[in-house]
Amino acid sequence: MGLNHLPSGRFAANAAWLAVQVMAHNLARWTTRIGLREPVSTTKTLRRRFFSLPGRITRKARRLTLHLPQDWPWQNQFSNALARLRALPLPS
């Protein structure tokens, strides 16, 4: 998933790549557990279904709208996960 850039020969570059990979992994696990309420889902599945989403964001009257494809099979699952994640309280 991006670790093919290691080792670069520079410690700072390796540390940055590793930190980014850890954050991406944790974000994928967090999305699966809290948003989708599934115990385990592979990163490949998340990337195929949700992260490479073929949609369009438009703005009208200062509101953002996400337009999803008509026959997208995971539209309900995505909408439910998005609603759950948006309902989380913001950290103070």
N, C-alpha and C. Protein backbone atom coordinates (compact mmCIF):
# COMPACT_ATOMS: atom_id res chain seq x y z
N MET A 1 0.81 -1.20 0.00
CA MET A 1 0.00 0.00 0.00
C MET A 1 0.85 1.26 0.00
N GLY A 2 1.97 1.29 -0.48
CA GLY A 2 2.81 2.47 -0.44
C GLY A 2 4.12 2.19 0.27
N LEU A 3 4.21 1.03 0.88
CA LEU A 3 5.47 0.68 1.54
C LEU A 3 6.51 0.24 0.52
N ASN A 4 6.13 0.19 -0.74
CA ASN A 4 7.10 -0.15 -1.77
C ASN A 4 8.13 0.98 -1.96
N HIS A 5 7.90 2.13 -1.34
CA HIS A 5 8.85 3.23 -1.40
C HIS A 5 9.95 3.09 -0.36
N LEU A 6 9.82 2.13 0.54
CA LEU A 6 10.82 1.92 1.58
C LEU A 6 11.85 0.93 1.11
N PRO A 7 13.06 0.89 1.52
CA PRO A 7 13.76 1.97 2.21
C PRO A 7 14.25 2.99 1.20
N SER A 8 14.21 4.23 1.59
CA SER A 8 14.62 5.28 0.65
C SER A 8 16.07 5.68 0.85
N GLY A 9 16.65 5.32 1.98
CA GLY A 9 18.01 5.73 2.25
C GLY A 9 18.09 6.93 3.19
N ARG A 10 16.95 7.55 3.42
CA ARG A 10 16.88 8.67 4.35
C ARG A 10 15.89 8.32 5.47
N PHE A 11 16.33 8.46 6.68
CA PHE A 11 15.51 8.07 7.81
C PHE A 11 14.23 8.89 7.88
N ALA A 12 14.30 10.18 7.65
CA ALA A 12 13.13 11.05 7.75
C ALA A 12 12.08 10.67 6.71
N ALA A 13 12.51 10.33 5.51
CA ALA A 13 11.57 9.93 4.47
C ALA A 13 10.90 8.61 4.83
N ASN A 14 11.67 7.66 5.36
CA ASN A 14 11.09 6.38 5.77
C ASN A 14 10.10 6.59 6.92
N ALA A 15 10.44 7.46 7.86
CA ALA A 15 9.55 7.72 8.99
C ALA A 15 8.25 8.38 8.52
N ALA A 16 8.34 9.28 7.57
CA ALA A 16 7.14 9.94 7.05
C ALA A 16 6.24 8.95 6.32
N TRP A 17 6.82 8.10 5.47
CA TRP A 17 6.03 7.09 4.77
C TRP A 17 5.35 6.14 5.74
N LEU A 18 6.06 5.72 6.75
CA LEU A 18 5.50 4.80 7.73
C LEU A 18 4.37 5.47 8.51
N ALA A 19 4.55 6.72 8.90
CA ALA A 19 3.50 7.44 9.63
C ALA A 19 2.24 7.59 8.78
N VAL A 20 2.39 7.91 7.52
CA VAL A 20 1.24 8.05 6.63
C VAL A 20 0.53 6.72 6.46
N GLN A 21 1.28 5.64 6.33
CA GLN A 21 0.68 4.31 6.18
C GLN A 21 -0.07 3.88 7.43
N VAL A 22 0.46 4.19 8.59
CA VAL A 22 -0.22 3.85 9.85
C VAL A 22 -1.52 4.64 9.96
N MET A 23 -1.50 5.92 9.61
CA MET A 23 -2.73 6.73 9.66
C MET A 23 -3.77 6.20 8.68
N ALA A 24 -3.36 5.82 7.47
CA ALA A 24 -4.30 5.28 6.49
C ALA A 24 -4.90 3.97 6.97
N HIS A 25 -4.08 3.12 7.56
CA HIS A 25 -4.57 1.84 8.08
C HIS A 25 -5.58 2.08 9.20
N ASN A 26 -5.26 2.97 10.13
CA ASN A 26 -6.17 3.25 11.24
C ASN A 26 -7.47 3.88 10.76
N LEU A 27 -7.41 4.74 9.77
CA LEU A 27 -8.62 5.34 9.22
C LEU A 27 -9.51 4.29 8.56
N ALA A 28 -8.91 3.36 7.85
CA ALA A 28 -9.69 2.29 7.22
C ALA A 28 -10.35 1.40 8.27
N ARG A 29 -9.63 1.05 9.33
CA ARG A 29 -10.21 0.21 10.39
C ARG A 29 -11.32 0.96 11.12
N TRP A 30 -11.11 2.25 11.38
CA TRP A 30 -12.10 3.07 12.07
C TRP A 30 -13.38 3.19 11.23
N THR A 31 -13.22 3.40 9.95
CA THR A 31 -14.37 3.48 9.05
C THR A 31 -15.14 2.17 9.04
N THR A 32 -14.44 1.06 9.02
CA THR A 32 -15.10 -0.25 9.00
C THR A 32 -15.86 -0.50 10.29
N ARG A 33 -15.23 -0.27 11.42
CA ARG A 33 -15.85 -0.57 12.71
C ARG A 33 -17.00 0.37 13.05
N ILE A 34 -16.78 1.66 12.96
CA ILE A 34 -17.78 2.63 13.40
C ILE A 34 -18.79 2.94 12.31
N GLY A 35 -18.32 3.20 11.10
CA GLY A 35 -19.23 3.60 10.04
C GLY A 35 -20.03 2.46 9.45
N LEU A 36 -19.34 1.38 9.11
CA LEU A 36 -20.02 0.25 8.46
C LEU A 36 -20.54 -0.78 9.44
N ARG A 37 -20.04 -0.73 10.68
CA ARG A 37 -20.41 -1.69 11.72
C ARG A 37 -20.15 -3.13 11.30
N GLU A 38 -19.04 -3.33 10.66
CA GLU A 38 -18.59 -4.66 10.28
C GLU A 38 -17.35 -4.97 11.11
N PRO A 39 -17.20 -6.23 11.54
CA PRO A 39 -16.02 -6.55 12.36
C PRO A 39 -14.72 -6.45 11.56
N VAL A 40 -14.70 -6.97 10.35
CA VAL A 40 -13.47 -6.97 9.55
C VAL A 40 -13.83 -6.75 8.09
N SER A 41 -13.10 -5.89 7.46
CA SER A 41 -13.22 -5.68 6.02
C SER A 41 -11.83 -5.34 5.51
N THR A 42 -11.46 -5.91 4.40
CA THR A 42 -10.11 -5.68 3.90
C THR A 42 -10.00 -4.28 3.29
N THR A 43 -8.79 -3.80 3.25
CA THR A 43 -8.55 -2.48 2.67
C THR A 43 -8.90 -2.49 1.18
N LYS A 44 -8.66 -3.61 0.53
CA LYS A 44 -8.99 -3.72 -0.89
C LYS A 44 -10.50 -3.56 -1.11
N THR A 45 -11.30 -4.17 -0.23
CA THR A 45 -12.75 -4.05 -0.34
C THR A 45 -13.20 -2.61 -0.11
N LEU A 46 -12.66 -1.98 0.91
CA LEU A 46 -13.01 -0.57 1.17
C LEU A 46 -12.63 0.32 0.00
N ARG A 47 -11.44 0.10 -0.54
CA ARG A 47 -10.98 0.92 -1.66
C ARG A 47 -11.88 0.72 -2.88
N ARG A 48 -12.26 -0.54 -3.15
CA ARG A 48 -13.07 -0.83 -4.32
C ARG A 48 -14.50 -0.28 -4.18
N ARG A 49 -15.08 -0.38 -2.98
CA ARG A 49 -16.47 0.03 -2.79
C ARG A 49 -16.65 1.50 -2.49
N PHE A 50 -15.78 2.06 -1.63
CA PHE A 50 -16.06 3.39 -1.10
C PHE A 50 -15.02 4.44 -1.41
N PHE A 51 -13.74 4.12 -1.28
CA PHE A 51 -12.71 5.14 -1.42
C PHE A 51 -12.54 5.60 -2.85
N SER A 52 -12.83 4.75 -3.81
CA SER A 52 -12.76 5.16 -5.22
C SER A 52 -14.18 5.39 -5.74
N LEU A 53 -14.93 6.14 -4.99
CA LEU A 53 -16.34 6.39 -5.27
C LEU A 53 -16.51 7.25 -6.51
N PRO A 54 -17.28 6.77 -7.48
CA PRO A 54 -17.53 7.58 -8.67
C PRO A 54 -18.69 8.53 -8.43
N GLY A 55 -18.42 9.67 -7.82
CA GLY A 55 -19.48 10.63 -7.52
C GLY A 55 -19.06 12.03 -7.91
N ARG A 56 -19.97 12.95 -7.67
CA ARG A 56 -19.75 14.34 -8.02
C ARG A 56 -20.23 15.21 -6.85
N ILE A 57 -19.45 16.19 -6.47
CA ILE A 57 -19.86 17.13 -5.42
C ILE A 57 -20.18 18.45 -6.10
N THR A 58 -21.39 18.95 -5.83
CA THR A 58 -21.81 20.22 -6.39
C THR A 58 -22.17 21.18 -5.26
N ARG A 59 -22.17 22.46 -5.59
CA ARG A 59 -22.52 23.48 -4.61
C ARG A 59 -23.65 24.32 -5.18
N LYS A 60 -24.69 24.48 -4.37
CA LYS A 60 -25.81 25.31 -4.78
C LYS A 60 -26.38 25.96 -3.52
N ALA A 61 -26.52 27.24 -3.54
CA ALA A 61 -27.05 28.00 -2.41
C ALA A 61 -26.25 27.72 -1.14
N ARG A 62 -24.93 27.71 -1.27
CA ARG A 62 -24.00 27.49 -0.16
C ARG A 62 -24.12 26.12 0.49
N ARG A 63 -24.68 25.15 -0.19
CA ARG A 63 -24.80 23.79 0.33
C ARG A 63 -24.09 22.84 -0.61
N LEU A 64 -23.34 21.92 -0.04
CA LEU A 64 -22.66 20.89 -0.82
C LEU A 64 -23.57 19.69 -0.96
N THR A 65 -23.62 19.13 -2.16
CA THR A 65 -24.44 17.96 -2.43
C THR A 65 -23.57 16.91 -3.11
N LEU A 66 -23.67 15.69 -2.63
CA LEU A 66 -22.95 14.57 -3.22
C LEU A 66 -23.90 13.81 -4.13
N HIS A 67 -23.55 13.72 -5.41
CA HIS A 67 -24.35 12.98 -6.38
C HIS A 67 -23.68 11.64 -6.64
N LEU A 68 -24.39 10.57 -6.35
CA LEU A 68 -23.87 9.21 -6.54
C LEU A 68 -24.47 8.60 -7.79
N PRO A 69 -23.83 7.58 -8.36
CA PRO A 69 -24.38 6.92 -9.54
C PRO A 69 -25.75 6.29 -9.24
N GLN A 70 -26.59 6.20 -10.24
CA GLN A 70 -27.95 5.68 -10.06
C GLN A 70 -27.97 4.23 -9.59
N ASP A 71 -27.24 3.35 -10.24
CA ASP A 71 -27.31 1.92 -9.95
C ASP A 71 -26.12 1.43 -9.14
N TRP A 72 -25.59 2.26 -8.28
CA TRP A 72 -24.44 1.88 -7.47
C TRP A 72 -24.92 0.94 -6.38
N PRO A 73 -24.39 -0.30 -6.30
CA PRO A 73 -24.94 -1.30 -5.38
C PRO A 73 -24.72 -1.01 -3.90
N TRP A 74 -23.78 -0.14 -3.53
CA TRP A 74 -23.49 0.11 -2.12
C TRP A 74 -23.96 1.49 -1.67
N GLN A 75 -24.92 2.05 -2.36
CA GLN A 75 -25.37 3.40 -2.03
C GLN A 75 -26.00 3.47 -0.65
N ASN A 76 -26.87 2.52 -0.30
CA ASN A 76 -27.50 2.53 1.02
C ASN A 76 -26.48 2.33 2.12
N GLN A 77 -25.56 1.40 1.92
CA GLN A 77 -24.53 1.13 2.92
C GLN A 77 -23.65 2.37 3.10
N PHE A 78 -23.29 3.04 2.02
CA PHE A 78 -22.49 4.26 2.11
C PHE A 78 -23.25 5.37 2.82
N SER A 79 -24.51 5.56 2.49
CA SER A 79 -25.31 6.62 3.11
C SER A 79 -25.47 6.38 4.61
N ASN A 80 -25.72 5.14 5.00
CA ASN A 80 -25.86 4.81 6.41
C ASN A 80 -24.55 5.05 7.16
N ALA A 81 -23.44 4.63 6.58
CA ALA A 81 -22.13 4.83 7.22
C ALA A 81 -21.82 6.32 7.33
N LEU A 82 -22.12 7.08 6.31
CA LEU A 82 -21.87 8.52 6.35
C LEU A 82 -22.70 9.19 7.44
N ALA A 83 -23.96 8.78 7.58
CA ALA A 83 -24.82 9.34 8.62
C ALA A 83 -24.29 8.98 10.01
N ARG A 84 -23.82 7.75 10.19
CA ARG A 84 -23.26 7.35 11.50
C ARG A 84 -22.01 8.14 11.83
N LEU A 85 -21.13 8.32 10.85
CA LEU A 85 -19.90 9.06 11.09
C LEU A 85 -20.17 10.54 11.34
N ARG A 86 -21.14 11.10 10.66
CA ARG A 86 -21.48 12.52 10.88
C ARG A 86 -22.14 12.72 12.25
N ALA A 87 -22.79 11.69 12.80
CA ALA A 87 -23.47 11.80 14.09
C ALA A 87 -22.50 11.71 15.27
N LEU A 88 -21.26 11.35 15.02
CA LEU A 88 -20.28 11.28 16.11
C LEU A 88 -20.04 12.66 16.70
N PRO A 89 -19.92 12.75 18.02
CA PRO A 89 -19.64 14.07 18.60
C PRO A 89 -18.23 14.53 18.27
N LEU A 90 -18.08 15.81 18.08
CA LEU A 90 -16.78 16.39 17.80
C LEU A 90 -15.95 16.43 19.07
N PRO A 91 -14.66 16.18 18.98
CA PRO A 91 -13.83 16.26 20.20
C PRO A 91 -13.73 17.71 20.67
N SER A 92 -13.68 17.85 21.96
CA SER A 92 -13.61 19.22 22.50
C SER A 92 -12.24 19.55 23.03
